[in-house]
Amino acid sequence: MVVAGGGLTGIKTAGQLGFEYASQGKKEVIFIYNDALPLPSDVLESVRKQAVTELTNLGVKMMPKTHVTDVTTEGANTIIKVRSSDGKMSSVLAQAYIPSLGLSPNTAFAPASMRNANGYLKQMTTLQVEGHPNIFVVGDAGSLEPNRAAHTESQATHFIKNLSTILSGGQMLEYSLSSRKFYGFTLDRSRATGQMGKCKKFCLLV
């Protein structure tokens, strides 16, 4: 069983599968992710390392610094072609493949010049699109913050408060990026980790 993608969804899925299958010796569970450690880079390194330790203890096979290049099916099996950081290519044969590689923003309607390399609209701290002062972006189609409901709500609140000023010809105030980091995720029925601000959360709290 292969899980690809080192974000919150990927690590939780790998943990649950590891608990149900790998720790019992029923199935091999492989976790593939691009970086040296899973989870976003703004997560504390200690939390990221703790996640690796917990998954390893569950019997999950870790494949860091590995990128999925192609996925095909052959009967009931899935063939996953991967490339490691040293350029070496290999294949993994899986009975189950779960890609958790993130969202693709619905921005194909916008000109390429308005989008960054990942397809997100180039959003400034005034919530305007770069080079287009009369176009504002709020939410997860913008490049300013990660895809989270809390960020969308915060951006929308800022925009609404300044809307009357904008309509009367004034300037949009700069939006303050949130410096607070809150993460919490379970890896099985008794293992969890996360952070609150700059502090690591205790497993029991999560």
N, C-alpha and C. Protein backbone atom coordinates (compact mmCIF):
# COMPACT_ATOMS: atom_id res chain seq x y z
N MET A 1 0.86 -1.17 0.00
CA MET A 1 0.00 0.00 0.00
C MET A 1 0.90 1.24 0.00
N VAL A 2 0.68 2.12 -0.95
CA VAL A 2 1.55 3.27 -1.11
C VAL A 2 0.76 4.57 -0.91
N VAL A 3 1.30 5.44 -0.07
CA VAL A 3 0.75 6.78 0.12
C VAL A 3 1.80 7.76 -0.38
N ALA A 4 1.41 8.66 -1.28
CA ALA A 4 2.35 9.65 -1.83
C ALA A 4 1.90 11.05 -1.43
N GLY A 5 2.84 11.84 -0.93
CA GLY A 5 2.53 13.20 -0.53
C GLY A 5 2.77 13.39 0.94
N GLY A 6 3.69 14.30 1.30
CA GLY A 6 4.11 14.45 2.68
C GLY A 6 3.39 15.50 3.48
N GLY A 7 2.19 15.87 3.07
CA GLY A 7 1.42 16.86 3.82
C GLY A 7 0.64 16.24 4.96
N LEU A 8 -0.28 17.02 5.53
CA LEU A 8 -1.06 16.56 6.67
C LEU A 8 -1.91 15.35 6.33
N THR A 9 -2.55 15.38 5.16
CA THR A 9 -3.40 14.26 4.75
C THR A 9 -2.58 13.01 4.54
N GLY A 10 -1.43 13.15 3.87
CA GLY A 10 -0.59 11.99 3.58
C GLY A 10 -0.07 11.33 4.83
N ILE A 11 0.39 12.13 5.78
CA ILE A 11 1.00 11.54 6.98
C ILE A 11 -0.05 10.89 7.87
N LYS A 12 -1.25 11.47 7.94
CA LYS A 12 -2.32 10.85 8.72
C LYS A 12 -2.77 9.54 8.08
N THR A 13 -2.87 9.55 6.75
CA THR A 13 -3.28 8.33 6.05
C THR A 13 -2.25 7.22 6.22
N ALA A 14 -0.97 7.57 6.07
CA ALA A 14 0.09 6.58 6.24
C ALA A 14 0.08 6.02 7.66
N GLY A 15 -0.20 6.87 8.65
CA GLY A 15 -0.25 6.42 10.03
C GLY A 15 -1.39 5.45 10.29
N GLN A 16 -2.56 5.77 9.75
CA GLN A 16 -3.71 4.88 9.95
C GLN A 16 -3.50 3.54 9.26
N LEU A 17 -2.96 3.56 8.05
CA LEU A 17 -2.69 2.31 7.33
C LEU A 17 -1.59 1.52 8.03
N GLY A 18 -0.59 2.26 8.53
CA GLY A 18 0.48 1.59 9.26
C GLY A 18 -0.04 0.86 10.49
N PHE A 19 -0.94 1.51 11.22
CA PHE A 19 -1.51 0.91 12.42
C PHE A 19 -2.33 -0.33 12.07
N GLU A 20 -3.16 -0.23 11.04
CA GLU A 20 -4.07 -1.32 10.69
C GLU A 20 -3.37 -2.48 9.99
N TYR A 21 -2.32 -2.19 9.22
CA TYR A 21 -1.74 -3.23 8.36
C TYR A 21 -0.26 -3.49 8.62
N ALA A 22 0.58 -2.44 8.55
CA ALA A 22 2.03 -2.67 8.66
C ALA A 22 2.42 -3.18 10.05
N SER A 23 1.86 -2.59 11.10
CA SER A 23 2.22 -3.01 12.45
C SER A 23 1.77 -4.43 12.76
N GLN A 24 0.78 -4.90 12.02
CA GLN A 24 0.28 -6.26 12.21
C GLN A 24 0.93 -7.26 11.26
N GLY A 25 1.79 -6.75 10.38
CA GLY A 25 2.43 -7.62 9.41
C GLY A 25 1.52 -8.09 8.30
N LYS A 26 0.39 -7.40 8.11
CA LYS A 26 -0.58 -7.82 7.09
C LYS A 26 -0.21 -7.31 5.70
N LYS A 27 0.25 -6.08 5.65
CA LYS A 27 0.60 -5.45 4.37
C LYS A 27 1.82 -4.56 4.57
N GLU A 28 2.59 -4.38 3.50
CA GLU A 28 3.66 -3.39 3.52
C GLU A 28 3.06 -2.04 3.18
N VAL A 29 3.37 -1.04 3.99
CA VAL A 29 2.90 0.32 3.76
C VAL A 29 4.10 1.20 3.46
N ILE A 30 4.07 1.89 2.33
CA ILE A 30 5.17 2.75 1.89
C ILE A 30 4.69 4.18 1.83
N PHE A 31 5.49 5.09 2.37
CA PHE A 31 5.15 6.51 2.41
C PHE A 31 6.19 7.27 1.59
N ILE A 32 5.76 7.90 0.50
CA ILE A 32 6.64 8.63 -0.42
C ILE A 32 6.42 10.13 -0.25
N TYR A 33 7.52 10.89 -0.09
CA TYR A 33 7.39 12.34 0.00
C TYR A 33 8.66 13.00 -0.54
N ASN A 34 8.52 14.25 -0.96
CA ASN A 34 9.58 14.94 -1.71
C ASN A 34 10.75 15.40 -0.85
N ASP A 35 10.47 15.87 0.36
CA ASP A 35 11.51 16.48 1.17
C ASP A 35 12.22 15.46 2.06
N ALA A 36 13.23 15.94 2.79
CA ALA A 36 13.94 15.06 3.72
C ALA A 36 13.03 14.63 4.86
N LEU A 37 12.07 15.51 5.22
CA LEU A 37 11.10 15.21 6.27
C LEU A 37 9.71 15.51 5.74
N PRO A 38 8.69 14.78 6.21
CA PRO A 38 7.33 15.10 5.79
C PRO A 38 6.81 16.34 6.50
N LEU A 39 5.62 16.79 6.12
CA LEU A 39 4.93 17.96 6.65
C LEU A 39 5.51 19.25 6.07
N PRO A 40 4.71 20.32 6.05
CA PRO A 40 5.16 21.59 5.48
C PRO A 40 6.39 22.13 6.20
N SER A 41 7.15 22.95 5.50
CA SER A 41 8.41 23.47 6.05
C SER A 41 8.20 24.42 7.22
N ASP A 42 6.99 24.97 7.38
CA ASP A 42 6.76 25.87 8.51
C ASP A 42 6.41 25.12 9.79
N VAL A 43 6.34 23.80 9.72
CA VAL A 43 6.14 22.99 10.92
C VAL A 43 7.48 22.81 11.61
N LEU A 44 7.49 22.82 12.92
CA LEU A 44 8.72 22.64 13.68
C LEU A 44 9.45 21.37 13.25
N GLU A 45 10.78 21.46 13.14
CA GLU A 45 11.56 20.29 12.74
C GLU A 45 11.39 19.14 13.73
N SER A 46 11.25 19.47 15.01
CA SER A 46 11.08 18.42 16.01
C SER A 46 9.77 17.67 15.80
N VAL A 47 8.74 18.38 15.36
CA VAL A 47 7.45 17.73 15.09
C VAL A 47 7.56 16.85 13.85
N ARG A 48 8.26 17.33 12.84
CA ARG A 48 8.43 16.55 11.61
C ARG A 48 9.23 15.27 11.89
N LYS A 49 10.28 15.40 12.71
CA LYS A 49 11.08 14.22 13.07
C LYS A 49 10.27 13.25 13.92
N GLN A 50 9.44 13.79 14.82
CA GLN A 50 8.60 12.93 15.65
C GLN A 50 7.64 12.13 14.80
N ALA A 51 7.10 12.75 13.76
CA ALA A 51 6.18 12.04 12.86
C ALA A 51 6.89 10.88 12.18
N VAL A 52 8.13 11.10 11.73
CA VAL A 52 8.90 10.03 11.09
C VAL A 52 9.14 8.89 12.07
N THR A 53 9.51 9.24 13.30
CA THR A 53 9.76 8.21 14.33
C THR A 53 8.51 7.37 14.59
N GLU A 54 7.37 8.04 14.73
CA GLU A 54 6.14 7.32 15.02
C GLU A 54 5.72 6.42 13.86
N LEU A 55 5.85 6.92 12.64
CA LEU A 55 5.49 6.11 11.47
C LEU A 55 6.42 4.90 11.34
N THR A 56 7.70 5.13 11.60
CA THR A 56 8.68 4.04 11.53
C THR A 56 8.35 2.97 12.57
N ASN A 57 7.96 3.40 13.75
CA ASN A 57 7.58 2.47 14.81
C ASN A 57 6.34 1.66 14.44
N LEU A 58 5.52 2.22 13.57
CA LEU A 58 4.34 1.50 13.10
C LEU A 58 4.65 0.54 11.96
N GLY A 59 5.91 0.54 11.51
CA GLY A 59 6.31 -0.35 10.43
C GLY A 59 6.15 0.23 9.04
N VAL A 60 5.90 1.54 8.96
CA VAL A 60 5.76 2.19 7.66
C VAL A 60 7.15 2.38 7.05
N LYS A 61 7.31 2.00 5.79
CA LYS A 61 8.57 2.19 5.08
C LYS A 61 8.61 3.60 4.50
N MET A 62 9.60 4.37 4.89
CA MET A 62 9.70 5.76 4.47
C MET A 62 10.53 5.88 3.20
N MET A 63 10.07 6.69 2.26
CA MET A 63 10.82 6.98 1.03
C MET A 63 10.92 8.50 0.88
N PRO A 64 11.86 9.15 1.63
CA PRO A 64 12.02 10.60 1.54
C PRO A 64 12.76 11.00 0.27
N LYS A 65 12.69 12.29 -0.03
CA LYS A 65 13.38 12.86 -1.19
C LYS A 65 13.07 12.06 -2.45
N THR A 66 11.83 11.67 -2.60
CA THR A 66 11.41 10.85 -3.73
C THR A 66 10.18 11.48 -4.37
N HIS A 67 10.19 11.51 -5.70
CA HIS A 67 9.12 12.17 -6.45
C HIS A 67 8.42 11.16 -7.35
N VAL A 68 7.10 11.11 -7.31
CA VAL A 68 6.33 10.24 -8.20
C VAL A 68 6.30 10.87 -9.59
N THR A 69 6.76 10.12 -10.58
CA THR A 69 6.81 10.66 -11.95
C THR A 69 5.71 10.13 -12.86
N ASP A 70 5.20 8.92 -12.56
CA ASP A 70 4.18 8.34 -13.44
C ASP A 70 3.44 7.24 -12.67
N VAL A 71 2.16 7.10 -12.97
CA VAL A 71 1.35 6.06 -12.35
C VAL A 71 0.52 5.37 -13.42
N THR A 72 0.65 4.06 -13.52
CA THR A 72 -0.12 3.28 -14.48
C THR A 72 -0.72 2.07 -13.78
N THR A 73 -1.70 1.45 -14.41
CA THR A 73 -2.31 0.24 -13.85
C THR A 73 -2.01 -0.96 -14.73
N GLU A 74 -1.91 -2.09 -14.07
CA GLU A 74 -1.68 -3.36 -14.77
C GLU A 74 -2.55 -4.40 -14.07
N GLY A 75 -3.72 -4.64 -14.63
CA GLY A 75 -4.67 -5.51 -13.96
C GLY A 75 -5.16 -4.87 -12.68
N ALA A 76 -5.04 -5.61 -11.56
CA ALA A 76 -5.47 -5.08 -10.27
C ALA A 76 -4.38 -4.30 -9.56
N ASN A 77 -3.19 -4.25 -10.16
CA ASN A 77 -2.05 -3.58 -9.54
C ASN A 77 -1.81 -2.19 -10.10
N THR A 78 -1.12 -1.39 -9.33
CA THR A 78 -0.72 -0.05 -9.75
C THR A 78 0.79 0.03 -9.77
N ILE A 79 1.33 0.50 -10.88
CA ILE A 79 2.78 0.65 -11.01
C ILE A 79 3.13 2.13 -10.84
N ILE A 80 3.93 2.40 -9.82
CA ILE A 80 4.28 3.78 -9.49
C ILE A 80 5.75 3.99 -9.80
N LYS A 81 6.03 4.84 -10.76
CA LYS A 81 7.41 5.15 -11.10
C LYS A 81 7.86 6.35 -10.28
N VAL A 82 9.04 6.22 -9.67
CA VAL A 82 9.53 7.29 -8.79
C VAL A 82 10.97 7.66 -9.15
N ARG A 83 11.34 8.88 -8.78
CA ARG A 83 12.70 9.36 -8.98
C ARG A 83 13.22 9.89 -7.65
N SER A 84 14.36 9.36 -7.20
CA SER A 84 14.96 9.81 -5.96
C SER A 84 15.77 11.08 -6.20
N SER A 85 16.24 11.71 -5.14
CA SER A 85 16.95 12.97 -5.25
C SER A 85 18.25 12.86 -6.04
N ASP A 86 18.83 11.65 -6.11
CA ASP A 86 20.06 11.46 -6.88
C ASP A 86 19.79 11.15 -8.35
N GLY A 87 18.51 11.22 -8.74
CA GLY A 87 18.13 10.99 -10.13
C GLY A 87 17.84 9.54 -10.48
N LYS A 88 18.01 8.64 -9.54
CA LYS A 88 17.77 7.23 -9.81
C LYS A 88 16.28 6.96 -9.97
N MET A 89 15.93 6.22 -11.02
CA MET A 89 14.53 5.88 -11.29
C MET A 89 14.27 4.46 -10.81
N SER A 90 13.08 4.22 -10.29
CA SER A 90 12.67 2.89 -9.87
C SER A 90 11.15 2.80 -9.92
N SER A 91 10.63 1.61 -9.70
CA SER A 91 9.19 1.39 -9.73
C SER A 91 8.74 0.68 -8.47
N VAL A 92 7.52 0.97 -8.05
CA VAL A 92 6.91 0.31 -6.90
C VAL A 92 5.60 -0.29 -7.37
N LEU A 93 5.40 -1.58 -7.09
CA LEU A 93 4.17 -2.27 -7.45
C LEU A 93 3.25 -2.27 -6.24
N ALA A 94 2.06 -1.73 -6.37
CA ALA A 94 1.15 -1.60 -5.23
C ALA A 94 -0.21 -2.19 -5.54
N GLN A 95 -0.84 -2.70 -4.50
CA GLN A 95 -2.23 -3.13 -4.61
C GLN A 95 -3.18 -1.98 -4.34
N ALA A 96 -2.67 -0.98 -3.64
CA ALA A 96 -3.46 0.21 -3.35
C ALA A 96 -2.54 1.42 -3.40
N TYR A 97 -2.98 2.47 -4.10
CA TYR A 97 -2.19 3.70 -4.22
C TYR A 97 -3.07 4.88 -3.84
N ILE A 98 -2.61 5.67 -2.88
CA ILE A 98 -3.36 6.83 -2.42
C ILE A 98 -2.51 8.09 -2.63
N PRO A 99 -2.80 8.86 -3.67
CA PRO A 99 -2.08 10.12 -3.86
C PRO A 99 -2.69 11.23 -3.01
N SER A 100 -1.85 11.89 -2.23
CA SER A 100 -2.31 13.04 -1.42
C SER A 100 -1.34 14.18 -1.69
N LEU A 101 -1.32 14.59 -2.94
CA LEU A 101 -0.30 15.52 -3.42
C LEU A 101 -0.77 16.96 -3.41
N GLY A 102 -1.85 17.24 -2.71
CA GLY A 102 -2.31 18.62 -2.61
C GLY A 102 -3.35 18.97 -3.65
N LEU A 103 -3.82 20.20 -3.57
CA LEU A 103 -4.88 20.68 -4.44
C LEU A 103 -4.31 21.41 -5.64
N SER A 104 -5.06 21.35 -6.73
CA SER A 104 -4.73 22.15 -7.91
C SER A 104 -5.73 23.29 -7.97
N PRO A 105 -5.28 24.54 -7.89
CA PRO A 105 -6.23 25.66 -7.87
C PRO A 105 -7.00 25.76 -9.18
N ASN A 106 -8.25 26.15 -9.08
CA ASN A 106 -9.12 26.29 -10.25
C ASN A 106 -8.89 27.67 -10.87
N THR A 107 -7.72 27.86 -11.48
CA THR A 107 -7.34 29.17 -12.01
C THR A 107 -6.99 29.12 -13.50
N ALA A 108 -7.38 28.06 -14.18
CA ALA A 108 -7.02 27.92 -15.60
C ALA A 108 -7.63 29.03 -16.45
N PHE A 109 -8.68 29.66 -15.95
CA PHE A 109 -9.34 30.75 -16.69
C PHE A 109 -8.47 32.00 -16.77
N ALA A 110 -7.52 32.14 -15.85
CA ALA A 110 -6.70 33.35 -15.78
C ALA A 110 -5.50 33.26 -16.71
N PRO A 111 -5.05 34.38 -17.26
CA PRO A 111 -3.84 34.37 -18.10
C PRO A 111 -2.65 33.81 -17.35
N ALA A 112 -1.75 33.16 -18.07
CA ALA A 112 -0.57 32.55 -17.45
C ALA A 112 0.28 33.57 -16.70
N SER A 113 0.28 34.81 -17.17
CA SER A 113 1.09 35.85 -16.52
C SER A 113 0.60 36.18 -15.11
N MET A 114 -0.65 35.82 -14.80
CA MET A 114 -1.22 36.10 -13.49
C MET A 114 -1.00 34.95 -12.51
N ARG A 115 -0.49 33.82 -13.00
CA ARG A 115 -0.33 32.63 -12.17
C ARG A 115 1.14 32.33 -11.89
N ASN A 116 1.42 31.75 -10.73
CA ASN A 116 2.80 31.34 -10.44
C ASN A 116 3.04 29.92 -10.97
N ALA A 117 4.19 29.36 -10.65
CA ALA A 117 4.57 28.06 -11.20
C ALA A 117 3.61 26.95 -10.76
N ASN A 118 2.95 27.13 -9.62
CA ASN A 118 2.02 26.11 -9.11
C ASN A 118 0.57 26.39 -9.49
N GLY A 119 0.37 27.42 -10.29
CA GLY A 119 -0.98 27.73 -10.76
C GLY A 119 -1.77 28.70 -9.91
N TYR A 120 -1.17 29.15 -8.79
CA TYR A 120 -1.89 30.09 -7.93
C TYR A 120 -1.75 31.52 -8.46
N LEU A 121 -2.79 32.32 -8.24
CA LEU A 121 -2.76 33.70 -8.67
C LEU A 121 -1.75 34.47 -7.82
N LYS A 122 -0.93 35.28 -8.47
CA LYS A 122 0.11 36.03 -7.78
C LYS A 122 -0.52 37.13 -6.93
N GLN A 123 -0.63 36.84 -5.67
CA GLN A 123 -1.38 37.67 -4.73
C GLN A 123 -0.43 38.50 -3.87
N MET A 124 -0.64 39.81 -3.86
CA MET A 124 0.19 40.70 -3.04
C MET A 124 -0.42 40.83 -1.64
N THR A 125 0.31 41.49 -0.73
CA THR A 125 -0.19 41.64 0.63
C THR A 125 -1.39 42.58 0.72
N THR A 126 -1.68 43.28 -0.36
CA THR A 126 -2.91 44.09 -0.42
C THR A 126 -4.06 43.28 -1.00
N LEU A 127 -3.82 41.98 -1.24
CA LEU A 127 -4.77 41.04 -1.83
C LEU A 127 -5.04 41.33 -3.31
N GLN A 128 -4.28 42.23 -3.89
CA GLN A 128 -4.38 42.51 -5.32
C GLN A 128 -3.50 41.54 -6.10
N VAL A 129 -3.86 41.29 -7.36
CA VAL A 129 -3.03 40.49 -8.23
C VAL A 129 -1.91 41.36 -8.76
N GLU A 130 -0.69 40.80 -8.80
CA GLU A 130 0.46 41.57 -9.29
C GLU A 130 0.18 42.14 -10.68
N GLY A 131 0.37 43.47 -10.80
CA GLY A 131 0.19 44.12 -12.09
C GLY A 131 -1.25 44.42 -12.45
N HIS A 132 -2.18 44.08 -11.56
CA HIS A 132 -3.61 44.31 -11.84
C HIS A 132 -4.27 44.91 -10.59
N PRO A 133 -4.14 46.22 -10.38
CA PRO A 133 -4.61 46.85 -9.14
C PRO A 133 -6.11 46.77 -8.92
N ASN A 134 -6.90 46.51 -9.96
CA ASN A 134 -8.35 46.45 -9.81
C ASN A 134 -8.86 45.01 -9.65
N ILE A 135 -7.94 44.04 -9.54
CA ILE A 135 -8.35 42.65 -9.34
C ILE A 135 -7.85 42.19 -7.97
N PHE A 136 -8.79 41.75 -7.14
CA PHE A 136 -8.46 41.28 -5.80
C PHE A 136 -8.71 39.78 -5.69
N VAL A 137 -7.89 39.11 -4.92
CA VAL A 137 -8.01 37.67 -4.72
C VAL A 137 -8.17 37.39 -3.23
N VAL A 138 -9.18 36.60 -2.90
CA VAL A 138 -9.40 36.19 -1.52
C VAL A 138 -9.57 34.67 -1.51
N GLY A 139 -8.79 34.01 -0.65
CA GLY A 139 -9.00 32.57 -0.50
C GLY A 139 -7.91 31.72 -1.09
N ASP A 140 -8.25 30.43 -1.32
CA ASP A 140 -7.21 29.45 -1.65
C ASP A 140 -6.79 29.42 -3.11
N ALA A 141 -7.25 30.37 -3.92
CA ALA A 141 -6.72 30.50 -5.28
C ALA A 141 -5.50 31.42 -5.31
N GLY A 142 -5.26 32.11 -4.19
CA GLY A 142 -4.15 33.05 -4.12
C GLY A 142 -2.88 32.42 -3.59
N SER A 143 -1.76 33.05 -3.86
CA SER A 143 -0.45 32.51 -3.51
C SER A 143 0.07 32.97 -2.16
N LEU A 144 -0.67 33.82 -1.48
CA LEU A 144 -0.15 34.48 -0.28
C LEU A 144 -0.01 33.55 0.92
N GLU A 145 -0.99 32.67 1.13
CA GLU A 145 -0.98 31.79 2.29
C GLU A 145 -1.39 30.38 1.89
N PRO A 146 -1.07 29.38 2.71
CA PRO A 146 -1.46 28.00 2.40
C PRO A 146 -2.97 27.84 2.36
N ASN A 147 -3.42 26.74 1.75
CA ASN A 147 -4.85 26.46 1.64
C ASN A 147 -5.43 26.04 2.99
N ARG A 148 -5.97 27.00 3.70
CA ARG A 148 -6.62 26.68 4.96
C ARG A 148 -7.83 27.59 5.13
N ALA A 149 -8.90 27.04 5.69
CA ALA A 149 -10.14 27.80 5.85
C ALA A 149 -9.92 29.04 6.70
N ALA A 150 -9.07 28.93 7.71
CA ALA A 150 -8.83 30.07 8.60
C ALA A 150 -8.21 31.24 7.84
N HIS A 151 -7.30 30.94 6.90
CA HIS A 151 -6.68 32.01 6.11
C HIS A 151 -7.70 32.66 5.18
N THR A 152 -8.56 31.84 4.59
CA THR A 152 -9.59 32.38 3.70
C THR A 152 -10.52 33.32 4.46
N GLU A 153 -10.93 32.91 5.63
CA GLU A 153 -11.82 33.74 6.45
C GLU A 153 -11.14 35.04 6.85
N SER A 154 -9.87 34.96 7.21
CA SER A 154 -9.13 36.15 7.63
C SER A 154 -8.97 37.14 6.47
N GLN A 155 -8.64 36.61 5.28
CA GLN A 155 -8.51 37.47 4.10
C GLN A 155 -9.85 38.12 3.74
N ALA A 156 -10.92 37.34 3.79
CA ALA A 156 -12.25 37.87 3.45
C ALA A 156 -12.66 38.99 4.42
N THR A 157 -12.39 38.78 5.70
CA THR A 157 -12.71 39.81 6.70
C THR A 157 -11.94 41.09 6.43
N HIS A 158 -10.66 40.96 6.10
CA HIS A 158 -9.83 42.14 5.80
C HIS A 158 -10.37 42.88 4.58
N PHE A 159 -10.72 42.11 3.54
CA PHE A 159 -11.22 42.73 2.31
C PHE A 159 -12.54 43.46 2.54
N ILE A 160 -13.46 42.82 3.27
CA ILE A 160 -14.77 43.43 3.51
C ILE A 160 -14.64 44.73 4.31
N LYS A 161 -13.75 44.73 5.29
CA LYS A 161 -13.55 45.93 6.11
C LYS A 161 -13.03 47.11 5.28
N ASN A 162 -12.29 46.79 4.21
CA ASN A 162 -11.68 47.84 3.41
C ASN A 162 -12.44 48.13 2.12
N LEU A 163 -13.54 47.42 1.88
CA LEU A 163 -14.25 47.54 0.61
C LEU A 163 -14.77 48.95 0.36
N SER A 164 -15.34 49.57 1.38
CA SER A 164 -15.89 50.93 1.19
C SER A 164 -14.78 51.91 0.83
N THR A 165 -13.61 51.74 1.41
CA THR A 165 -12.47 52.61 1.10
C THR A 165 -12.04 52.43 -0.35
N ILE A 166 -12.01 51.19 -0.81
CA ILE A 166 -11.62 50.89 -2.18
C ILE A 166 -12.62 51.50 -3.16
N LEU A 167 -13.93 51.35 -2.89
CA LEU A 167 -14.97 51.86 -3.79
C LEU A 167 -14.98 53.39 -3.85
N SER A 168 -14.49 54.02 -2.80
CA SER A 168 -14.45 55.48 -2.80
C SER A 168 -13.13 56.02 -3.33
N GLY A 169 -12.29 55.11 -3.89
CA GLY A 169 -11.04 55.53 -4.52
C GLY A 169 -9.83 55.46 -3.62
N GLY A 170 -9.99 54.96 -2.43
CA GLY A 170 -8.86 54.85 -1.51
C GLY A 170 -8.01 53.61 -1.78
N GLN A 171 -6.97 53.44 -0.97
CA GLN A 171 -6.04 52.34 -1.13
C GLN A 171 -6.35 51.22 -0.12
N MET A 172 -6.19 50.00 -0.58
CA MET A 172 -6.37 48.84 0.29
C MET A 172 -5.22 48.76 1.28
N LEU A 173 -5.54 48.61 2.55
CA LEU A 173 -4.51 48.43 3.55
C LEU A 173 -3.85 47.06 3.39
N GLU A 174 -2.60 46.95 3.80
CA GLU A 174 -1.90 45.67 3.67
C GLU A 174 -2.47 44.66 4.65
N TYR A 175 -2.57 43.46 4.15
CA TYR A 175 -3.08 42.34 4.95
C TYR A 175 -1.93 41.76 5.77
N SER A 176 -2.16 41.53 7.06
CA SER A 176 -1.11 40.99 7.93
C SER A 176 -1.16 39.47 7.90
N LEU A 177 -0.07 38.87 7.48
CA LEU A 177 0.01 37.42 7.46
C LEU A 177 0.01 36.88 8.88
N SER A 178 -0.68 35.78 9.08
CA SER A 178 -0.74 35.18 10.40
C SER A 178 0.60 34.54 10.74
N SER A 179 1.12 34.84 11.91
CA SER A 179 2.38 34.24 12.36
C SER A 179 2.13 33.04 13.28
N ARG A 180 0.86 32.78 13.59
CA ARG A 180 0.52 31.68 14.48
C ARG A 180 0.39 30.38 13.68
N LYS A 181 1.04 29.36 14.14
CA LYS A 181 1.01 28.06 13.49
C LYS A 181 0.33 27.05 14.41
N PHE A 182 -0.75 26.50 13.95
CA PHE A 182 -1.47 25.50 14.73
C PHE A 182 -1.62 24.24 13.89
N TYR A 183 -1.05 23.15 14.37
CA TYR A 183 -1.17 21.87 13.70
C TYR A 183 -1.45 20.80 14.76
N GLY A 184 -2.26 19.85 14.39
CA GLY A 184 -2.49 18.69 15.24
C GLY A 184 -2.98 17.55 14.39
N PHE A 185 -2.33 16.41 14.48
CA PHE A 185 -2.75 15.28 13.66
C PHE A 185 -2.44 13.97 14.36
N THR A 186 -3.36 13.03 14.18
CA THR A 186 -3.20 11.71 14.76
C THR A 186 -2.52 10.79 13.75
N LEU A 187 -1.73 9.86 14.26
CA LEU A 187 -1.05 8.90 13.40
C LEU A 187 -1.64 7.49 13.55
N ASP A 188 -2.25 7.22 14.69
CA ASP A 188 -3.05 6.02 14.87
C ASP A 188 -3.97 6.30 16.06
N ARG A 189 -4.48 5.26 16.71
CA ARG A 189 -5.44 5.48 17.78
C ARG A 189 -4.81 5.98 19.08
N SER A 190 -3.48 5.95 19.17
CA SER A 190 -2.83 6.40 20.39
C SER A 190 -1.62 7.29 20.15
N ARG A 191 -1.27 7.55 18.89
CA ARG A 191 -0.11 8.38 18.58
C ARG A 191 -0.57 9.65 17.88
N ALA A 192 0.03 10.76 18.28
CA ALA A 192 -0.30 12.05 17.68
C ALA A 192 0.82 13.03 17.96
N THR A 193 0.85 14.10 17.19
CA THR A 193 1.81 15.17 17.43
C THR A 193 1.27 16.44 16.78
N GLY A 194 1.97 17.53 16.98
CA GLY A 194 1.52 18.79 16.42
C GLY A 194 2.24 19.94 17.09
N GLN A 195 1.78 21.16 16.80
CA GLN A 195 2.39 22.33 17.42
C GLN A 195 1.37 23.43 17.61
N MET A 196 1.64 24.29 18.57
CA MET A 196 0.83 25.46 18.83
C MET A 196 1.78 26.63 18.92
N GLY A 197 1.75 27.48 17.90
CA GLY A 197 2.75 28.55 17.82
C GLY A 197 4.12 27.95 17.60
N LYS A 198 5.04 28.23 18.49
CA LYS A 198 6.39 27.69 18.40
C LYS A 198 6.64 26.55 19.37
N CYS A 199 5.57 26.04 19.94
CA CYS A 199 5.69 24.96 20.92
C CYS A 199 5.12 23.66 20.39
N LYS A 200 5.82 22.58 20.66
CA LYS A 200 5.35 21.26 20.26
C LYS A 200 4.22 20.82 21.20
N LYS A 201 3.18 20.23 20.63
CA LYS A 201 2.06 19.75 21.43
C LYS A 201 2.36 18.36 21.97
N PHE A 202 1.88 18.11 23.18
CA PHE A 202 1.99 16.77 23.74
C PHE A 202 0.99 15.85 23.04
N CYS A 203 1.40 14.59 22.88
CA CYS A 203 0.55 13.61 22.22
C CYS A 203 -0.84 13.55 22.86
N LEU A 204 -0.91 13.52 24.18
CA LEU A 204 -2.18 13.41 24.88
C LEU A 204 -3.11 14.58 24.59
N LEU A 205 -2.54 15.77 24.45
CA LEU A 205 -3.33 16.97 24.18
C LEU A 205 -4.00 16.85 22.81
N VAL A 206 -3.23 16.38 21.81
CA VAL A 206 -3.79 16.22 20.46
C VAL A 206 -4.86 15.15 20.45
